[in-house]
Each structure stands twice: as C-alpha cells, then as structure tokens.
Amino acid sequence: MKLAQGQKAPLFIVKDIFGNTIDFNNIENKKIVLSFFRYAECPMCNLQIAKIMQQKENFEKHNLKLITVFESSAESLKASIYDRHAFNFTIIADINRELYELYGVHPSWLHTINTFSLKTILNLKEAFKKGFEIMGRIEGTINQIPADFIINEDKTILMAHYGNSIIDHLSLEKIFKSV
C-alpha cells in the first residue's frame, strides 16, 4: 500500500553498509529525505546521486538527513556508490526488500516502459559522460521504480513521491521548497 502525506512514517531499525545501526525513531532535529533507488551500478541512480552531491550545501542548510536504500549488497554499494560519490549520507543495502515493502515501493513493468523517452536518452547520455556504466551489473529487480519521502522531525510524511519511471525521483528543487 502506498503511503501519503500526513501519515506516520513506518519506523525501522537496520544496519547501514558499514554495519552502523540506523534507528529511524532516534533521528532527531532533522527532516529526513528517504530515497529508494534500484541497484548499485544503475547509471540513472548514480546520475541522481551525482545531482544530489552538487546540492550537499543545500542539504546541510535545510538540516536534511539523506537516507538511501538500494537492492544491492553492502560490498557493491561501497564500491559503486560510496567510493565514487564521497558524500556524507546513509546508504542501506536492502537485498531482502524489507524496507521497499514497508514503504510500498514496488517494481512495475508499466512504469519501466514509461521510461523510454527523450528525457531518458538525455539522462543516459549525461550518465555516460560522467563515466557511469550503461550496462553495469544488475543486482536487483530490473523493473524497480524509485520513490522518495520527505519526513518531518515528528516522523510524519511531509511528501511521498512514487516514481512513474526508472528516472522519476522527486526533484531536488521540490525537496528544498518543501522544507
């Protein structure tokens, strides 16, 4: 079931890719951007992370904590995301898809087909220019669609965005305007 604005965000306790415990309920005095991605070598995911990296100061300015969830293993995420994008954010390896299920983030062939557009071609071209492999190793569900949630300090959902294609994340502009 999809979550909506005003609902309490489902709480969880998990380990990040370094084995640190992330207790969602104990994150205080910060709004949280919880972003669900596909897999570690997904070029569109890496492109979105690169765009986020360019906005590091805005995340700090708006007192936002970024938590990212991927279907890949911790080892793959360290190599493909953390080592490539040295940015201080939390990365969770959810190979069993427990958080995906908790937040109602599901694969969709229909939304995957929606991906094939001029915008996608331009994004692929940009990802290729940045050195992200177009046909990297697929570690997860090929038709996984992203989702983003902005969560208030009181753990209510301020904004829930379920993508309509594999490149459809909540825009950074909307994130910063909403907080």
Protein backbone atom coordinates (compact mmCIF):
# COMPACT_ATOMS: atom_id res chain seq x y z
CA MET A 1 0.00 0.00 0.00
CA LYS A 2 1.33 3.44 -0.90
CA LEU A 3 1.97 5.95 1.86
CA ALA A 4 0.67 9.50 1.76
CA GLN A 5 1.30 12.94 3.17
CA GLY A 6 0.29 13.27 6.83
CA GLN A 7 0.72 9.58 7.67
CA LYS A 8 3.24 8.45 10.25
CA ALA A 9 6.31 7.11 8.51
CA PRO A 10 6.93 3.43 9.20
CA LEU A 11 9.79 3.15 11.70
CA PHE A 12 12.66 0.73 11.26
CA ILE A 13 15.99 -0.31 12.71
CA VAL A 14 18.57 -1.53 10.18
CA LYS A 15 22.32 -1.58 9.59
CA ASP A 16 23.93 0.69 7.03
CA ILE A 17 26.59 -0.60 4.61
CA PHE A 18 29.27 -0.17 7.31
CA GLY A 19 27.36 -2.08 9.99
CA ASN A 20 26.22 1.01 11.90
CA THR A 21 22.74 0.76 13.40
CA ILE A 22 20.21 3.17 11.93
CA ASP A 23 17.26 3.57 14.30
CA PHE A 24 14.81 5.70 12.35
CA ASN A 25 12.99 6.71 15.53
CA ASN A 26 16.19 8.13 17.07
CA ILE A 27 16.98 10.57 14.27
CA GLU A 28 16.18 13.87 15.97
CA ASN A 29 16.10 17.53 14.98
CA LYS A 30 16.33 16.79 11.27
CA LYS A 31 13.95 16.26 8.44
CA ILE A 32 14.72 13.10 6.53
CA VAL A 33 14.83 12.50 2.81
CA LEU A 34 14.36 8.76 2.38
CA SER A 35 15.15 7.77 -1.22
CA PHE A 36 14.65 4.34 -2.72
CA PHE A 37 16.89 3.51 -5.67
CA ARG A 38 17.42 0.46 -7.84
CA TYR A 39 20.87 -1.16 -7.66
CA ALA A 40 24.48 -0.03 -7.18
CA GLU A 41 25.54 0.11 -10.84
CA CYS A 42 22.32 1.62 -12.18
CA PRO A 43 23.51 4.59 -14.28
CA MET A 44 20.31 6.57 -13.61
CA CYS A 45 20.72 6.03 -9.85
CA ASN A 46 24.34 7.16 -9.98
CA LEU A 47 23.34 10.21 -12.00
CA GLN A 48 20.74 11.13 -9.35
CA ILE A 49 23.35 10.67 -6.60
CA ALA A 50 25.73 12.94 -8.57
CA LYS A 51 22.99 15.60 -8.74
CA ILE A 52 22.43 15.24 -5.00
CA MET A 53 26.18 15.64 -4.45
CA GLN A 54 26.05 19.01 -6.17
CA GLN A 55 23.47 20.09 -3.58
CA LYS A 56 25.35 18.98 -0.44
CA GLU A 57 25.33 22.53 0.96
CA ASN A 58 21.56 22.82 0.44
CA PHE A 59 21.02 19.57 2.35
CA GLU A 60 23.06 20.99 5.22
CA LYS A 61 21.42 24.43 5.00
CA HIS A 62 17.94 22.88 5.24
CA ASN A 63 19.04 20.48 8.03
CA LEU A 64 18.13 17.43 5.95
CA LYS A 65 19.40 13.92 6.56
CA LEU A 66 19.58 11.80 3.41
CA ILE A 67 19.00 8.06 3.76
CA THR A 68 19.27 5.99 0.60
CA VAL A 69 18.04 2.43 0.08
CA PHE A 70 19.32 0.10 -2.65
CA GLU A 71 18.69 -3.55 -3.54
CA SER A 72 22.43 -4.27 -3.85
CA SER A 73 24.84 -5.78 -1.35
CA ALA A 74 26.87 -3.62 1.02
CA GLU A 75 30.07 -4.55 -0.85
CA SER A 76 28.68 -3.44 -4.21
CA LEU A 77 27.32 -0.22 -2.72
CA LYS A 78 30.67 0.63 -1.14
CA ALA A 79 32.39 0.22 -4.50
CA SER A 80 29.78 1.74 -6.79
CA ILE A 81 28.18 4.45 -4.66
CA TYR A 82 30.21 5.33 -1.57
CA ASP A 83 33.70 5.21 -3.09
CA ARG A 84 32.52 7.04 -6.22
CA HIS A 85 30.44 9.76 -4.53
CA ALA A 86 32.25 10.58 -1.27
CA PHE A 87 29.19 12.30 0.27
CA ASN A 88 28.13 12.00 3.87
CA PHE A 89 24.80 10.21 3.63
CA THR A 90 23.42 6.93 4.88
CA ILE A 91 23.34 4.01 2.47
CA ILE A 92 21.27 0.91 3.27
CA ALA A 93 21.62 -2.40 1.45
CA ASP A 94 18.12 -3.90 1.37
CA ILE A 95 18.68 -7.07 -0.64
CA ASN A 96 15.67 -8.73 1.01
CA ARG A 97 13.46 -5.74 0.05
CA GLU A 98 12.10 -5.31 3.59
CA LEU A 99 12.16 -1.50 3.52
CA TYR A 100 10.79 -1.47 -0.04
CA GLU A 101 7.81 -3.49 1.22
CA LEU A 102 7.44 -1.40 4.38
CA TYR A 103 7.15 1.78 2.28
CA GLY A 104 5.11 0.27 -0.57
CA VAL A 105 7.85 0.71 -3.17
CA HIS A 106 7.28 -1.91 -5.86
CA PRO A 107 8.61 -2.87 -9.29
CA SER A 108 6.45 -2.09 -12.31
CA TRP A 109 6.85 -3.14 -15.91
CA LEU A 110 4.34 -0.48 -16.97
CA HIS A 111 6.38 2.29 -15.30
CA THR A 112 9.58 0.77 -16.70
CA ILE A 113 8.11 1.04 -20.20
CA ASN A 114 7.24 4.70 -19.42
CA THR A 115 10.98 5.26 -19.01
CA PHE A 116 11.66 5.09 -22.74
CA SER A 117 11.58 8.73 -23.74
CA LEU A 118 13.78 11.56 -24.97
CA LYS A 119 14.37 12.59 -21.34
CA THR A 120 15.73 9.11 -20.59
CA ILE A 121 18.04 9.20 -23.61
CA LEU A 122 19.38 12.58 -22.46
CA ASN A 123 19.85 11.24 -18.93
CA LEU A 124 21.68 8.16 -20.26
CA LYS A 125 23.92 10.41 -22.32
CA GLU A 126 24.69 12.53 -19.24
CA ALA A 127 25.34 9.40 -17.14
CA PHE A 128 27.70 8.05 -19.82
CA LYS A 129 29.61 11.39 -19.91
CA LYS A 130 30.07 11.16 -16.14
CA GLY A 131 31.57 7.70 -16.53
CA PHE A 132 28.66 5.60 -15.23
CA GLU A 133 28.40 2.24 -16.97
CA ILE A 134 25.29 1.99 -19.09
CA MET A 135 25.22 -1.81 -18.93
CA GLY A 136 26.63 -2.41 -15.44
CA ARG A 137 25.88 -5.41 -13.28
CA ILE A 138 22.18 -5.65 -12.38
CA GLU A 139 21.81 -6.55 -8.72
CA GLY A 140 18.15 -6.39 -8.01
CA THR A 141 14.84 -6.06 -9.72
CA ILE A 142 15.31 -4.69 -13.25
CA ASN A 143 11.89 -3.03 -13.21
CA GLN A 144 12.23 -1.42 -9.76
CA ILE A 145 10.81 2.09 -9.71
CA PRO A 146 12.27 4.73 -7.36
CA ALA A 147 10.42 6.53 -4.59
CA ASP A 148 11.23 9.45 -2.30
CA PHE A 149 9.80 10.54 1.02
CA ILE A 150 10.33 13.73 2.97
CA ILE A 151 9.71 13.08 6.64
CA ASN A 152 9.28 15.69 9.37
CA GLU A 153 11.06 15.65 12.71
CA ASP A 154 7.90 14.14 14.27
CA LYS A 155 8.14 11.26 11.74
CA THR A 156 5.09 12.25 9.71
CA ILE A 157 5.34 12.18 5.95
CA LEU A 158 5.56 15.67 4.51
CA MET A 159 5.76 14.42 0.92
CA ALA A 160 5.54 10.97 -0.69
CA HIS A 161 6.64 10.53 -4.29
CA TYR A 162 6.34 7.20 -6.10
CA GLY A 163 8.10 7.36 -9.46
CA ASN A 164 6.38 6.85 -12.80
CA SER A 165 9.57 5.61 -14.49
CA ILE A 166 13.04 4.43 -13.50
CA ILE A 167 14.34 8.01 -13.68
CA ASP A 168 11.47 9.66 -11.80
CA HIS A 169 12.79 10.90 -8.46
CA LEU A 170 11.39 13.84 -6.57
CA SER A 171 13.22 16.88 -7.92
CA LEU A 172 15.78 18.45 -5.62
CA GLU A 173 14.08 21.79 -6.19
CA LYS A 174 10.81 20.40 -4.79
CA ILE A 175 12.63 18.88 -1.83
CA PHE A 176 14.22 22.19 -0.84
CA LYS A 177 10.99 24.16 -1.43
CA SER A 178 9.01 21.77 0.77
CA VAL A 179 11.19 22.22 3.81
